[in-house]
């Protein structure tokens, strides 16, 4: 049986919350001092996944309002954006 990213996250902490439909965008998890571990997603990949079923503009609007804009407690996933390394 192939272990999925979701399975691996559950092994780290069974309370980790995941974002439905974005399994392919999981890049890992975040550890913070004194706070719960949270799943971490590639923001751009999440928007690309949404854009398969809608325009890029609609995908971005949907992501920012419905995904990034959803707080479901301390285990709410985070979304990573890379910055150029100068």
PDB file of N, CA and C in Angstrom:
ATOM      1  N   UNK A   1       0.847  -1.190   0.000  1.00  0.00           N
ATOM      2  CA  UNK A   1       0.000   0.000   0.000  1.00  0.00           C
ATOM      3  C   UNK A   1       0.887   1.246   0.000  1.00  0.00           C
ATOM      4  N   UNK A   2       0.579   2.187  -0.850  1.00  0.00           N
ATOM      5  CA  UNK A   2       1.332   3.424  -0.960  1.00  0.00           C
ATOM      6  C   UNK A   2       0.836   4.404   0.104  1.00  0.00           C
ATOM      7  N   UNK A   3       1.769   4.967   0.868  1.00  0.00           N
ATOM      8  CA  UNK A   3       1.405   5.928   1.890  1.00  0.00           C
ATOM      9  C   UNK A   3       1.248   7.312   1.257  1.00  0.00           C
ATOM     10  N   UNK A   4       0.147   7.968   1.529  1.00  0.00           N
ATOM     11  CA  UNK A   4      -0.111   9.294   0.966  1.00  0.00           C
ATOM     12  C   UNK A   4       0.437  10.378   1.889  1.00  0.00           C
ATOM     13  N   UNK A   5       0.483  11.597   1.372  1.00  0.00           N
ATOM     14  CA  UNK A   5       0.899  12.740   2.188  1.00  0.00           C
ATOM     15  C   UNK A   5      -0.011  12.898   3.391  1.00  0.00           C
ATOM     16  N   UNK A   6      -1.299  12.663   3.204  1.00  0.00           N
ATOM     17  CA  UNK A   6      -2.263  12.773   4.298  1.00  0.00           C
ATOM     18  C   UNK A   6      -1.941  11.745   5.379  1.00  0.00           C
ATOM     19  N   UNK A   7      -1.619  10.518   4.968  1.00  0.00           N
ATOM     20  CA  UNK A   7      -1.253   9.469   5.925  1.00  0.00           C
ATOM     21  C   UNK A   7      -0.010   9.866   6.714  1.00  0.00           C
ATOM     22  N   UNK A   8       0.979  10.413   6.014  1.00  0.00           N
ATOM     23  CA  UNK A   8       2.222  10.820   6.675  1.00  0.00           C
ATOM     24  C   UNK A   8       1.974  11.931   7.688  1.00  0.00           C
ATOM     25  N   UNK A   9       1.113  12.885   7.334  1.00  0.00           N
ATOM     26  CA  UNK A   9       0.783  13.954   8.269  1.00  0.00           C
ATOM     27  C   UNK A   9       0.078  13.398   9.502  1.00  0.00           C
ATOM     28  N   UNK A  10      -0.816  12.451   9.299  1.00  0.00           N
ATOM     29  CA  UNK A  10      -1.546  11.839  10.414  1.00  0.00           C
ATOM     30  C   UNK A  10      -0.600  11.100  11.356  1.00  0.00           C
ATOM     31  N   UNK A  11       0.484  10.552  10.824  1.00  0.00           N
ATOM     32  CA  UNK A  11       1.466   9.885  11.675  1.00  0.00           C
ATOM     33  C   UNK A  11       2.197  10.887  12.562  1.00  0.00           C
ATOM     34  N   UNK A  12       2.394  12.101  12.061  1.00  0.00           N
ATOM     35  CA  UNK A  12       3.070  13.149  12.828  1.00  0.00           C
ATOM     36  C   UNK A  12       2.163  13.631  13.961  1.00  0.00           C
ATOM     37  N   UNK A  13       0.912  13.898  13.641  1.00  0.00           N
ATOM     38  CA  UNK A  13      -0.062  14.363  14.633  1.00  0.00           C
ATOM     39  C   UNK A  13      -1.452  14.061  14.090  1.00  0.00           C
ATOM     40  N   UNK A  14      -2.179  13.237  14.788  1.00  0.00           N
ATOM     41  CA  UNK A  14      -3.507  12.828  14.294  1.00  0.00           C
ATOM     42  C   UNK A  14      -4.507  13.976  14.256  1.00  0.00           C
ATOM     43  N   UNK A  15      -4.183  15.098  14.892  1.00  0.00           N
ATOM     44  CA  UNK A  15      -5.090  16.253  14.905  1.00  0.00           C
ATOM     45  C   UNK A  15      -4.869  17.223  13.756  1.00  0.00           C
ATOM     46  N   UNK A  16      -3.822  17.015  12.956  1.00  0.00           N
ATOM     47  CA  UNK A  16      -3.532  17.922  11.846  1.00  0.00           C
ATOM     48  C   UNK A  16      -4.744  17.993  10.915  1.00  0.00           C
ATOM     49  N   UNK A  17      -5.119  19.208  10.565  1.00  0.00           N
ATOM     50  CA  UNK A  17      -6.218  19.413   9.621  1.00  0.00           C
ATOM     51  C   UNK A  17      -5.654  19.579   8.219  1.00  0.00           C
ATOM     52  N   UNK A  18      -6.382  19.082   7.245  1.00  0.00           N
ATOM     53  CA  UNK A  18      -5.962  19.203   5.848  1.00  0.00           C
ATOM     54  C   UNK A  18      -7.039  19.928   5.051  1.00  0.00           C
ATOM     55  N   UNK A  19      -6.630  20.489   3.934  1.00  0.00           N
ATOM     56  CA  UNK A  19      -7.543  21.222   3.065  1.00  0.00           C
ATOM     57  C   UNK A  19      -8.057  20.275   1.980  1.00  0.00           C
ATOM     58  N   UNK A  20      -9.349  20.075   1.926  1.00  0.00           N
ATOM     59  CA  UNK A  20      -9.959  19.155   0.964  1.00  0.00           C
ATOM     60  C   UNK A  20      -9.621  19.530  -0.469  1.00  0.00           C
ATOM     61  N   UNK A  21      -9.207  18.529  -1.242  1.00  0.00           N
ATOM     62  CA  UNK A  21      -8.961  18.722  -2.667  1.00  0.00           C
ATOM     63  C   UNK A  21      -7.566  19.186  -3.021  1.00  0.00           C
ATOM     64  N   UNK A  22      -6.729  19.409  -2.021  1.00  0.00           N
ATOM     65  CA  UNK A  22      -5.396  19.943  -2.287  1.00  0.00           C
ATOM     66  C   UNK A  22      -4.268  18.979  -1.912  1.00  0.00           C
ATOM     67  N   UNK A  23      -4.548  17.690  -1.898  1.00  0.00           N
ATOM     68  CA  UNK A  23      -3.530  16.702  -1.506  1.00  0.00           C
ATOM     69  C   UNK A  23      -2.246  16.837  -2.312  1.00  0.00           C
ATOM     70  N   UNK A  24      -2.363  17.131  -3.598  1.00  0.00           N
ATOM     71  CA  UNK A  24      -1.176  17.248  -4.461  1.00  0.00           C
ATOM     72  C   UNK A  24      -0.356  18.503  -4.181  1.00  0.00           C
ATOM     73  N   UNK A  25      -0.879  19.410  -3.368  1.00  0.00           N
ATOM     74  CA  UNK A  25      -0.174  20.644  -3.058  1.00  0.00           C
ATOM     75  C   UNK A  25       0.504  20.623  -1.684  1.00  0.00           C
ATOM     76  N   UNK A  26       0.370  19.514  -0.953  1.00  0.00           N
ATOM     77  CA  UNK A  26       1.024  19.410   0.354  1.00  0.00           C
ATOM     78  C   UNK A  26       2.534  19.409   0.158  1.00  0.00           C
ATOM     79  N   UNK A  27       3.218  20.270   0.923  1.00  0.00           N
ATOM     80  CA  UNK A  27       4.683  20.289   0.847  1.00  0.00           C
ATOM     81  C   UNK A  27       5.325  19.871   2.169  1.00  0.00           C
ATOM     82  N   UNK A  28       4.526  19.704   3.195  1.00  0.00           N
ATOM     83  CA  UNK A  28       5.078  19.273   4.476  1.00  0.00           C
ATOM     84  C   UNK A  28       4.243  19.775   5.632  1.00  0.00           C
ATOM     85  N   UNK A  29       4.929  20.018   6.749  1.00  0.00           N
ATOM     86  CA  UNK A  29       4.240  20.548   7.911  1.00  0.00           C
ATOM     87  C   UNK A  29       5.133  21.555   8.613  1.00  0.00           C
ATOM     88  N   UNK A  30       4.513  22.393   9.432  1.00  0.00           N
ATOM     89  CA  UNK A  30       5.190  23.464  10.147  1.00  0.00           C
ATOM     90  C   UNK A  30       5.192  23.129  11.638  1.00  0.00           C
ATOM     91  N   UNK A  31       6.352  23.281  12.255  1.00  0.00           N
ATOM     92  CA  UNK A  31       6.471  23.121  13.700  1.00  0.00           C
ATOM     93  C   UNK A  31       6.764  24.491  14.297  1.00  0.00           C
ATOM     94  N   UNK A  32       6.012  24.835  15.351  1.00  0.00           N
ATOM     95  CA  UNK A  32       6.178  26.133  15.990  1.00  0.00           C
ATOM     96  C   UNK A  32       6.282  25.931  17.498  1.00  0.00           C
ATOM     97  N   UNK A  33       7.100  26.702  18.139  1.00  0.00           N
ATOM     98  CA  UNK A  33       7.296  26.587  19.576  1.00  0.00           C
ATOM     99  C   UNK A  33       5.993  26.847  20.331  1.00  0.00           C
ATOM    100  N   UNK A  34       5.580  25.859  21.101  1.00  0.00           N
ATOM    101  CA  UNK A  34       4.405  26.012  21.947  1.00  0.00           C
ATOM    102  C   UNK A  34       3.079  25.984  21.228  1.00  0.00           C
ATOM    103  N   UNK A  35       3.091  25.712  19.940  1.00  0.00           N
ATOM    104  CA  UNK A  35       1.856  25.692  19.153  1.00  0.00           C
ATOM    105  C   UNK A  35       1.746  24.365  18.401  1.00  0.00           C
ATOM    106  N   UNK A  36       0.532  23.988  17.990  1.00  0.00           N
ATOM    107  CA  UNK A  36       0.355  22.722  17.280  1.00  0.00           C
ATOM    108  C   UNK A  36       1.056  22.705  15.922  1.00  0.00           C
ATOM    109  N   UNK A  37       1.399  21.513  15.489  1.00  0.00           N
ATOM    110  CA  UNK A  37       1.934  21.307  14.142  1.00  0.00           C
ATOM    111  C   UNK A  37       0.805  21.540  13.148  1.00  0.00           C
ATOM    112  N   UNK A  38       1.121  22.146  11.999  1.00  0.00           N
ATOM    113  CA  UNK A  38       0.091  22.372  10.983  1.00  0.00           C
ATOM    114  C   UNK A  38       0.576  21.925   9.609  1.00  0.00           C
ATOM    115  N   UNK A  39      -0.353  21.457   8.799  1.00  0.00           N
ATOM    116  CA  UNK A  39      -0.051  21.077   7.418  1.00  0.00           C
ATOM    117  C   UNK A  39       0.319  22.325   6.637  1.00  0.00           C
ATOM    118  N   UNK A  40       1.245  22.164   5.688  1.00  0.00           N
ATOM    119  CA  UNK A  40       1.682  23.296   4.867  1.00  0.00           C
ATOM    120  C   UNK A  40       1.501  22.955   3.386  1.00  0.00           C
ATOM    121  N   UNK A  41       0.901  23.878   2.662  1.00  0.00           N
ATOM    122  CA  UNK A  41       0.589  23.696   1.246  1.00  0.00           C
ATOM    123  C   UNK A  41       1.312  24.740   0.411  1.00  0.00           C
ATOM    124  N   UNK A  42       1.596  24.390  -0.829  1.00  0.00           N
ATOM    125  CA  UNK A  42       2.125  25.333  -1.817  1.00  0.00           C
ATOM    126  C   UNK A  42       0.934  26.142  -2.348  1.00  0.00           C
ATOM    127  N   UNK A  43       0.896  27.434  -2.020  1.00  0.00           N
ATOM    128  CA  UNK A  43      -0.232  28.284  -2.403  1.00  0.00           C
ATOM    129  C   UNK A  43      -0.458  28.289  -3.913  1.00  0.00           C
ATOM    130  N   UNK A  44       0.621  28.438  -4.673  1.00  0.00           N
ATOM    131  CA  UNK A  44       0.480  28.503  -6.131  1.00  0.00           C
ATOM    132  C   UNK A  44      -0.074  27.201  -6.691  1.00  0.00           C
ATOM    133  N   UNK A  45       0.353  26.066  -6.125  1.00  0.00           N
ATOM    134  CA  UNK A  45      -0.156  24.764  -6.579  1.00  0.00           C
ATOM    135  C   UNK A  45      -1.644  24.634  -6.254  1.00  0.00           C
ATOM    136  N   UNK A  46      -2.060  25.134  -5.099  1.00  0.00           N
ATOM    137  CA  UNK A  46      -3.489  25.101  -4.745  1.00  0.00           C
ATOM    138  C   UNK A  46      -4.311  25.866  -5.778  1.00  0.00           C
ATOM    139  N   UNK A  47      -3.823  27.038  -6.164  1.00  0.00           N
ATOM    140  CA  UNK A  47      -4.549  27.844  -7.156  1.00  0.00           C
ATOM    141  C   UNK A  47      -4.563  27.137  -8.506  1.00  0.00           C
ATOM    142  N   UNK A  48      -3.452  26.498  -8.877  1.00  0.00           N
ATOM    143  CA  UNK A  48      -3.414  25.721 -10.128  1.00  0.00           C
ATOM    144  C   UNK A  48      -4.450  24.599 -10.106  1.00  0.00           C
ATOM    145  N   UNK A  49      -4.590  23.929  -8.982  1.00  0.00           N
ATOM    146  CA  UNK A  49      -5.587  22.853  -8.858  1.00  0.00           C
ATOM    147  C   UNK A  49      -6.987  23.411  -9.082  1.00  0.00           C
ATOM    148  N   UNK A  50      -7.286  24.544  -8.455  1.00  0.00           N
ATOM    149  CA  UNK A  50      -8.598  25.164  -8.641  1.00  0.00           C
ATOM    150  C   UNK A  50      -8.819  25.605 -10.079  1.00  0.00           C
ATOM    151  N   UNK A  51      -7.761  26.078 -10.738  1.00  0.00           N
ATOM    152  CA  UNK A  51      -7.871  26.600 -12.106  1.00  0.00           C
ATOM    153  C   UNK A  51      -8.159  25.512 -13.131  1.00  0.00           C
ATOM    154  N   UNK A  52      -8.099  24.260 -12.734  1.00  0.00           N
ATOM    155  CA  UNK A  52      -8.480  23.171 -13.646  1.00  0.00           C
ATOM    156  C   UNK A  52      -9.978  23.197 -13.920  1.00  0.00           C
ATOM    157  N   UNK A  53     -10.747  23.780 -12.981  1.00  0.00           N
ATOM    158  CA  UNK A  53     -12.205  23.794 -13.106  1.00  0.00           C
ATOM    159  C   UNK A  53     -12.810  25.183 -13.240  1.00  0.00           C
ATOM    160  N   UNK A  54     -11.950  26.213 -13.296  1.00  0.00           N
ATOM    161  CA  UNK A  54     -12.444  27.589 -13.415  1.00  0.00           C
ATOM    162  C   UNK A  54     -11.335  28.459 -13.976  1.00  0.00           C
ATOM    163  N   UNK A  55     -11.633  29.696 -14.260  1.00  0.00           N
ATOM    164  CA  UNK A  55     -10.603  30.596 -14.782  1.00  0.00           C
ATOM    165  C   UNK A  55      -9.569  30.870 -13.690  1.00  0.00           C
ATOM    166  N   UNK A  56      -8.397  31.335 -14.090  1.00  0.00           N
ATOM    167  CA  UNK A  56      -7.345  31.655 -13.124  1.00  0.00           C
ATOM    168  C   UNK A  56      -7.816  32.747 -12.166  1.00  0.00           C
ATOM    169  N   UNK A  57      -8.487  33.744 -12.677  1.00  0.00           N
ATOM    170  CA  UNK A  57      -8.987  34.821 -11.817  1.00  0.00           C
ATOM    171  C   UNK A  57      -9.984  34.281 -10.793  1.00  0.00           C
ATOM    172  N   UNK A  58     -10.913  33.443 -11.250  1.00  0.00           N
ATOM    173  CA  UNK A  58     -11.881  32.850 -10.329  1.00  0.00           C
ATOM    174  C   UNK A  58     -11.191  31.944  -9.321  1.00  0.00           C
ATOM    175  N   UNK A  59     -10.176  31.208  -9.764  1.00  0.00           N
ATOM    176  CA  UNK A  59      -9.431  30.319  -8.867  1.00  0.00           C
ATOM    177  C   UNK A  59      -8.739  31.118  -7.772  1.00  0.00           C
ATOM    178  N   UNK A  60      -8.121  32.233  -8.147  1.00  0.00           N
ATOM    179  CA  UNK A  60      -7.449  33.075  -7.152  1.00  0.00           C
ATOM    180  C   UNK A  60      -8.448  33.655  -6.156  1.00  0.00           C
ATOM    181  N   UNK A  61      -9.560  34.169  -6.670  1.00  0.00           N
ATOM    182  CA  UNK A  61     -10.585  34.723  -5.787  1.00  0.00           C
ATOM    183  C   UNK A  61     -11.146  33.656  -4.852  1.00  0.00           C
ATOM    184  N   UNK A  62     -11.426  32.480  -5.395  1.00  0.00           N
ATOM    185  CA  UNK A  62     -11.944  31.384  -4.585  1.00  0.00           C
ATOM    186  C   UNK A  62     -10.940  31.009  -3.497  1.00  0.00           C
ATOM    187  N   UNK A  63      -9.668  30.865  -3.889  1.00  0.00           N
ATOM    188  CA  UNK A  63      -8.635  30.470  -2.932  1.00  0.00           C
ATOM    189  C   UNK A  63      -8.535  31.470  -1.784  1.00  0.00           C
ATOM    190  N   UNK A  64      -8.416  32.750  -2.113  1.00  0.00           N
ATOM    191  CA  UNK A  64      -8.218  33.756  -1.069  1.00  0.00           C
ATOM    192  C   UNK A  64      -9.431  33.880  -0.148  1.00  0.00           C
ATOM    193  N   UNK A  65     -10.619  33.758  -0.683  1.00  0.00           N
ATOM    194  CA  UNK A  65     -11.815  33.914   0.150  1.00  0.00           C
ATOM    195  C   UNK A  65     -12.165  32.626   0.889  1.00  0.00           C
ATOM    196  N   UNK A  66     -12.218  31.498   0.183  1.00  0.00           N
ATOM    197  CA  UNK A  66     -12.743  30.253   0.755  1.00  0.00           C
ATOM    198  C   UNK A  66     -11.696  29.351   1.391  1.00  0.00           C
ATOM    199  N   UNK A  67     -10.451  29.457   0.964  1.00  0.00           N
ATOM    200  CA  UNK A  67      -9.421  28.567   1.500  1.00  0.00           C
ATOM    201  C   UNK A  67      -8.542  29.325   2.489  1.00  0.00           C
ATOM    202  N   UNK A  68      -7.819  30.301   2.017  1.00  0.00           N
ATOM    203  CA  UNK A  68      -6.962  31.082   2.895  1.00  0.00           C
ATOM    204  C   UNK A  68      -7.798  31.828   3.933  1.00  0.00           C
ATOM    205  N   UNK A  69      -8.978  32.217   3.559  1.00  0.00           N
ATOM    206  CA  UNK A  69      -9.854  32.971   4.458  1.00  0.00           C
ATOM    207  C   UNK A  69     -10.589  32.138   5.487  1.00  0.00           C
ATOM    208  N   UNK A  70     -10.354  30.838   5.510  1.00  0.00           N
ATOM    209  CA  UNK A  70     -11.035  29.959   6.456  1.00  0.00           C
ATOM    210  C   UNK A  70     -10.129  29.641   7.643  1.00  0.00           C
ATOM    211  N   UNK A  71     -10.522  30.059   8.814  1.00  0.00           N
ATOM    212  CA  UNK A  71      -9.803  29.722  10.043  1.00  0.00           C
ATOM    213  C   UNK A  71     -10.633  28.700  10.791  1.00  0.00           C
ATOM    214  N   UNK A  72     -10.037  27.545  11.077  1.00  0.00           N
ATOM    215  CA  UNK A  72     -10.762  26.478  11.772  1.00  0.00           C
ATOM    216  C   UNK A  72     -10.034  26.054  13.048  1.00  0.00           C
ATOM    217  N   UNK A  73      -9.323  26.978  13.647  1.00  0.00           N
ATOM    218  CA  UNK A  73      -8.630  26.701  14.902  1.00  0.00           C
ATOM    219  C   UNK A  73      -7.124  26.625  14.737  1.00  0.00           C
ATOM    220  N   UNK A  74      -6.464  26.243  15.830  1.00  0.00           N
ATOM    221  CA  UNK A  74      -4.997  26.212  15.866  1.00  0.00           C
ATOM    222  C   UNK A  74      -4.367  25.293  14.830  1.00  0.00           C
ATOM    223  N   UNK A  75      -5.102  24.307  14.362  1.00  0.00           N
ATOM    224  CA  UNK A  75      -4.561  23.365  13.378  1.00  0.00           C
ATOM    225  C   UNK A  75      -4.855  23.774  11.927  1.00  0.00           C
ATOM    226  N   UNK A  76      -5.384  24.972  11.733  1.00  0.00           N
ATOM    227  CA  UNK A  76      -5.668  25.461  10.381  1.00  0.00           C
ATOM    228  C   UNK A  76      -4.391  25.374   9.536  1.00  0.00           C
ATOM    229  N   UNK A  77      -4.470  24.773   8.345  1.00  0.00           N
ATOM    230  CA  UNK A  77      -3.280  24.667   7.491  1.00  0.00           C
ATOM    231  C   UNK A  77      -2.709  26.038   7.119  1.00  0.00           C
ATOM    232  N   UNK A  78      -1.426  26.037   6.765  1.00  0.00           N
ATOM    233  CA  UNK A  78      -0.794  27.254   6.262  1.00  0.00           C
ATOM    234  C   UNK A  78      -0.479  27.071   4.785  1.00  0.00           C
ATOM    235  N   UNK A  79      -0.268  28.186   4.102  1.00  0.00           N
ATOM    236  CA  UNK A  79      -0.036  28.173   2.661  1.00  0.00           C
ATOM    237  C   UNK A  79       1.247  28.941   2.367  1.00  0.00           C
ATOM    238  N   UNK A  80       2.192  28.247   1.760  1.00  0.00           N
ATOM    239  CA  UNK A  80       3.551  28.745   1.537  1.00  0.00           C
ATOM    240  C   UNK A  80       3.672  29.491   0.216  1.00  0.00           C
ATOM    241  N   UNK A  81       4.368  30.622   0.269  1.00  0.00           N
ATOM    242  CA  UNK A  81       4.734  31.377  -0.921  1.00  0.00           C
ATOM    243  C   UNK A  81       6.237  31.580  -0.888  1.00  0.00           C
ATOM    244  N   UNK A  82       6.930  31.150  -1.926  1.00  0.00           N
ATOM    245  CA  UNK A  82       8.381  31.319  -1.991  1.00  0.00           C
ATOM    246  C   UNK A  82       8.717  32.749  -2.403  1.00  0.00           C
ATOM    247  N   UNK A  83       9.819  33.252  -1.874  1.00  0.00           N
ATOM    248  CA  UNK A  83      10.330  34.552  -2.291  1.00  0.00           C
ATOM    249  C   UNK A  83      11.667  34.325  -2.991  1.00  0.00           C
ATOM    250  N   UNK A  84      11.989  35.189  -3.947  1.00  0.00           N
ATOM    251  CA  UNK A  84      13.260  35.011  -4.669  1.00  0.00           C
ATOM    252  C   UNK A  84      14.448  35.108  -3.709  1.00  0.00           C
ATOM    253  N   UNK A  85      15.428  34.311  -3.955  1.00  0.00           N
ATOM    254  CA  UNK A  85      16.651  34.323  -3.162  1.00  0.00           C
ATOM    255  C   UNK A  85      17.674  35.200  -3.867  1.00  0.00           C
ATOM    256  N   UNK A  86      17.833  36.410  -3.394  1.00  0.00           N
ATOM    257  CA  UNK A  86      18.768  37.354  -4.038  1.00  0.00           C
ATOM    258  C   UNK A  86      20.101  37.351  -3.360  1.00  0.00           C
TER     259      UNK A  86
END
